[in-house]
Structures are given as C-alpha cells and as structure tokens.
Amino acid sequence: MKGRSSGGVGPAIHAPWEVYPAKTLFAVSTAALMVAFVAGWAVSDIQARGAQEVQIDTFQMMTGAKQLPSEHFADYSFVF
C-alpha cells in the first residue's frame, strides 16, 4: 500500500489547495490585490481638477509659424 496517504482502503482524498497549490496561490493573491485596489480607490480623497477654459488661436498659429521644414520633390505625375 505504498503511495497512499490516507492509510485506508480507497484513494487518498486531498483538499483542492493541496493538489493545485500554484493555482490556489494565484487565485488568493489575485483576490487580495483586487480587494486592496478597491479599498484604496474607495478611501482616496483626490478630486479631479475642474475643466479649464483654454482657447487656441489657430489663425495665429498658422500665420506665426516660421522656419518650418519644406519638402522638395519633382512632380512627375503629369507626363505626356
């Protein structure tokens, strides 16, 4: 009767955490992290900033642009 840990006549019955310790450890640690994140989110008192009214003057951006790079190429699309 070598290999049987129950000492009895049937197959040994183990708890699930004894058979799959890595899966159990992963599940327990994942659950603990989820609880920690939810608890941290629930007790945080950080408030979002209010929306600031920012106006971008696109005309000034287009007229005030200086020394922009230019691309030089030969256009051969209209060939007889």
Foldseek 3Di string as FASTA:
>chain_A
DPPADVPDDDHHDDDPCVVCVPVVVVVVVVVVVVVVVVVVVVPDDDDDDDDDDDDDDVVCVVVVDPDDDDDDDDDPPDDD
